[in-house]
Protein backbone atom coordinates (compact mmCIF):
# COMPACT_ATOMS: atom_id res chain seq x y z
CA UNK A 1 5.20 12.44 -42.97
CA UNK A 2 1.62 11.26 -43.60
CA UNK A 3 1.98 8.55 -40.96
CA UNK A 4 3.26 11.08 -38.44
CA UNK A 5 0.36 13.45 -39.05
CA UNK A 6 -2.22 10.70 -38.73
CA UNK A 7 -0.73 9.48 -35.46
CA UNK A 8 -0.76 12.98 -34.04
CA UNK A 9 -4.44 13.38 -34.87
CA UNK A 10 -5.56 10.18 -33.11
CA UNK A 11 -7.29 10.82 -29.75
CA UNK A 12 -5.32 9.77 -26.68
CA UNK A 13 -6.46 6.56 -25.02
CA UNK A 14 -8.36 7.17 -21.76
CA UNK A 15 -6.05 6.89 -18.74
CA UNK A 16 -6.82 4.94 -15.57
CA UNK A 17 -8.20 7.10 -12.77
CA UNK A 18 -7.40 5.57 -9.38
CA UNK A 19 -6.94 1.95 -8.32
CA UNK A 20 -9.52 -0.74 -7.70
CA UNK A 21 -11.28 -0.23 -4.33
CA UNK A 22 -11.26 -3.09 -1.81
CA UNK A 23 -14.70 -3.22 -0.17
CA UNK A 24 -14.25 -5.87 2.55
CA UNK A 25 -10.73 -5.52 3.94
CA UNK A 26 -11.79 -6.40 7.51
CA UNK A 27 -13.44 -9.68 6.54
CA UNK A 28 -10.73 -11.38 4.51
CA UNK A 29 -8.20 -12.85 6.96
CA UNK A 30 -9.10 -13.89 10.52
CA UNK A 31 -7.08 -15.58 13.32
CA UNK A 32 -8.68 -18.90 12.31
CA UNK A 33 -6.94 -18.63 8.92
CA UNK A 34 -3.42 -19.01 10.35
CA UNK A 35 -1.91 -22.00 8.51
CA UNK A 36 -1.45 -24.95 10.87
CA UNK A 37 2.07 -25.71 9.66
CA UNK A 38 3.11 -22.07 10.17
CA UNK A 39 1.71 -22.17 13.72
CA UNK A 40 3.57 -25.37 14.48
CA UNK A 41 6.82 -23.86 13.22
CA UNK A 42 6.16 -20.50 14.99
CA UNK A 43 6.39 -18.62 11.70
CA UNK A 44 5.40 -14.97 11.40
CA UNK A 45 6.10 -11.94 9.22
CA UNK A 46 4.72 -9.57 6.60
CA UNK A 47 3.56 -10.67 3.16
CA UNK A 48 3.14 -7.95 0.53
CA UNK A 49 1.14 -8.85 -2.57
CA UNK A 50 -0.04 -7.37 -5.86
CA UNK A 51 -3.39 -8.42 -7.30
CA UNK A 52 -4.68 -7.88 -10.82
CA UNK A 53 -8.33 -6.96 -10.69
CA UNK A 54 -10.49 -7.29 -13.81
CA UNK A 55 -12.97 -4.73 -15.09
CA UNK A 56 -15.74 -6.67 -13.35
CA UNK A 57 -13.98 -6.53 -9.97
CA UNK A 58 -12.61 -10.09 -9.84
CA UNK A 59 -9.06 -10.97 -8.75
CA UNK A 60 -7.43 -12.69 -11.71
CA UNK A 61 -3.87 -13.11 -10.40
CA UNK A 62 -1.97 -12.58 -7.18
CA UNK A 63 1.81 -12.42 -6.70
CA UNK A 64 3.84 -12.14 -3.52
CA UNK A 65 6.21 -9.17 -3.84
CA UNK A 66 7.63 -9.33 -0.29
CA UNK A 67 7.99 -12.61 1.57
CA UNK A 68 7.12 -13.08 5.23
CA UNK A 69 9.88 -15.67 5.34
CA UNK A 70 7.28 -18.42 5.42
CA UNK A 71 6.06 -20.12 2.25
CA UNK A 72 2.88 -21.19 4.05
CA UNK A 73 2.01 -17.62 5.10
CA UNK A 74 2.79 -16.18 1.66
CA UNK A 75 0.62 -18.82 -0.04
CA UNK A 76 -2.23 -18.29 2.42
CA UNK A 77 -2.20 -14.53 1.81
CA UNK A 78 -2.77 -14.85 -1.94
CA UNK A 79 -5.16 -17.79 -1.60
CA UNK A 80 -7.44 -15.99 0.87
CA UNK A 81 -7.49 -12.72 -1.04
CA UNK A 82 -8.23 -14.42 -4.34
CA UNK A 83 -11.08 -16.33 -2.71
CA UNK A 84 -12.64 -13.59 -0.55
CA UNK A 85 -11.68 -10.10 -1.73
CA UNK A 86 -14.49 -7.99 -3.20
CA UNK A 87 -13.49 -5.03 -5.37
CA UNK A 88 -14.98 -2.10 -7.15
CA UNK A 89 -12.88 -2.00 -10.32
CA UNK A 90 -10.67 0.87 -11.39
CA UNK A 91 -12.16 3.33 -13.88
CA UNK A 92 -10.61 5.30 -16.68
CA UNK A 93 -10.96 9.06 -16.92
CA UNK A 94 -14.30 8.77 -18.71
CA UNK A 95 -15.77 6.53 -16.02
CA UNK A 96 -15.56 3.14 -17.76
CA UNK A 97 -14.49 0.18 -15.55
CA UNK A 98 -11.05 -1.17 -16.48
CA UNK A 99 -8.57 -3.72 -15.19
CA UNK A 100 -6.08 -2.49 -12.58
CA UNK A 101 -3.65 -3.46 -9.85
CA UNK A 102 -4.04 -3.38 -6.08
CA UNK A 103 -1.15 -3.74 -3.62
CA UNK A 104 -1.33 -4.46 0.10
CA UNK A 105 0.54 -5.95 3.04
CA UNK A 106 -0.71 -8.53 5.55
CA UNK A 107 0.95 -8.96 8.92
CA UNK A 108 0.96 -12.46 10.39
CA UNK A 109 1.82 -12.44 14.11
CA UNK A 110 2.33 -14.91 16.96
CA UNK A 111 2.41 -14.16 20.70
CA UNK A 112 5.15 -11.56 21.25
CA UNK A 113 5.97 -11.44 17.55
CA UNK A 114 3.54 -8.97 16.00
CA UNK A 115 5.06 -7.31 12.91
CA UNK A 116 3.61 -3.89 12.18
CA UNK A 117 2.57 -2.70 8.74
CA UNK A 118 1.60 0.81 9.93
CA UNK A 119 4.24 3.49 10.53
CA UNK A 120 3.30 6.38 12.83
CA UNK A 121 5.14 9.60 12.02
CA UNK A 122 5.04 13.03 13.69
CA UNK A 123 6.35 15.81 11.47
CA UNK A 124 7.41 19.10 13.03
CA UNK A 125 6.53 22.17 10.96
CA UNK A 126 6.76 25.88 11.66
CA UNK A 127 3.15 26.55 10.69
CA UNK A 128 0.34 24.04 10.23
CA UNK A 129 -1.67 24.83 7.06
CA UNK A 130 -5.07 26.38 7.79
CA UNK A 131 -6.86 23.65 5.84
CA UNK A 132 -5.13 20.78 7.70
CA UNK A 133 -7.79 18.67 9.43
CA UNK A 134 -6.39 15.25 10.32
CA UNK A 135 -3.31 13.00 9.91
CA UNK A 136 -2.27 12.04 6.39
CA UNK A 137 -2.78 8.35 5.63
CA UNK A 138 -0.76 6.90 2.78
CA UNK A 139 0.42 3.64 1.26
CA UNK A 140 4.19 3.41 0.90
CA UNK A 141 6.10 1.25 -1.56
CA UNK A 142 9.65 0.20 -0.66
CA UNK A 143 12.45 -1.28 -2.74
CA UNK A 144 14.86 -4.09 -1.84
CA UNK A 145 17.06 -1.65 0.09
CA UNK A 146 14.12 -0.58 2.25
CA UNK A 147 13.79 2.88 0.72
CA UNK A 148 10.52 4.54 -0.29
CA UNK A 149 9.87 4.52 -4.03
CA UNK A 150 6.27 5.76 -3.97
CA UNK A 151 3.86 7.42 -1.55
CA UNK A 152 0.16 7.13 -2.43
CA UNK A 153 -2.20 9.26 -0.31
CA UNK A 154 -5.19 7.14 0.73
CA UNK A 155 -6.84 9.67 3.09
CA UNK A 156 -5.98 13.33 2.69
CA UNK A 157 -5.33 15.56 5.68
CA UNK A 158 -7.53 18.14 4.01
CA UNK A 159 -4.43 20.07 2.97
CA UNK A 160 -2.65 19.30 -0.30
CA UNK A 161 0.47 21.03 1.05
CA UNK A 162 0.47 18.81 4.16
CA UNK A 163 -0.06 15.68 2.09
CA UNK A 164 2.88 16.59 -0.16
CA UNK A 165 5.07 17.44 2.84
CA UNK A 166 4.38 14.07 4.48
CA UNK A 167 5.17 12.14 1.30
CA UNK A 168 8.27 14.24 0.59
CA UNK A 169 9.61 13.63 4.10
CA UNK A 170 9.11 9.86 3.94
CA UNK A 171 10.79 9.60 0.54
CA UNK A 172 13.84 11.46 1.84
CA UNK A 173 14.13 10.16 5.40
CA UNK A 174 12.25 6.89 5.96
CA UNK A 175 14.09 3.57 5.66
CA UNK A 176 12.95 0.13 6.82
CA UNK A 177 14.91 -3.10 7.27
CA UNK A 178 15.66 -4.68 3.91
CA UNK A 179 12.55 -6.68 2.90
CA UNK A 180 12.72 -10.37 2.03
CA UNK A 181 12.55 -11.25 -1.65
CA UNK A 182 9.78 -13.67 -2.57
CA UNK A 183 10.91 -14.67 -6.06
CA UNK A 184 13.72 -14.22 -8.53
CA UNK A 185 11.20 -13.38 -11.25
CA UNK A 186 8.84 -11.01 -9.39
CA UNK A 187 10.19 -7.53 -8.55
CA UNK A 188 10.47 -6.91 -4.82
CA UNK A 189 7.98 -4.32 -3.55
CA UNK A 190 7.23 -4.04 0.16
CA UNK A 191 4.07 -2.26 1.31
CA UNK A 192 3.62 -0.28 4.52
CA UNK A 193 1.00 2.20 5.68
CA UNK A 194 1.84 5.69 6.90
CA UNK A 195 -0.07 7.82 9.39
CA UNK A 196 1.64 11.22 9.50
CA UNK A 197 0.60 13.90 12.00
CA UNK A 198 1.79 17.51 11.67
CA UNK A 199 2.92 19.24 14.86
CA UNK A 200 4.39 22.62 15.67
CA UNK A 201 7.19 23.00 18.21
CA UNK A 202 4.73 24.19 20.84
CA UNK A 203 2.41 21.24 20.24
CA UNK A 204 5.30 18.79 20.63
CA UNK A 205 6.37 20.30 23.96
CA UNK A 206 2.82 20.15 25.29
CA UNK A 207 2.49 16.53 24.24
CA UNK A 208 5.62 15.58 26.24
CA UNK A 209 4.29 17.03 29.51
């Protein structure tokens, strides 16, 4: 009984508030970084990765959670992000920097083969919330069957109701082709990016004209 009472009186550990923030996404991978062997073999695809970011903003590990189908492209994705990515670390709920995880997807494309990591969605609603300002932008996590397991809002529409509606719809309705597994020891998680626009019936009809 004494042990139970003492445990109950201990303050809860601070929780992590948000993920690390990637500061230089546009400057990490360029066309010149395409691995020569992958070019020669006409390899392309999407590599999803998870990075562990330390409390001082450094990438400590990187794992491929969805394979592009090319070992060279998967390796290049982690190698380049570990070398070039600059992060602001995650913080706990009292503002102290802590270690955290960051997931993303990189699309490697050749000529007519340009895999897309962004999914455009137009959701019909009866009434658009008064505080809705712009499309919802979210990061989606998919399992090995291609179904959504998590929807993380990255840029709010301005309306919490609209954000929730967009995530709820994708979890129920959106399915992608089964992703490629990268490893037997690393859980498969595929990353895609959602841009969801709310439309009323009248707006949809006008857009078709």
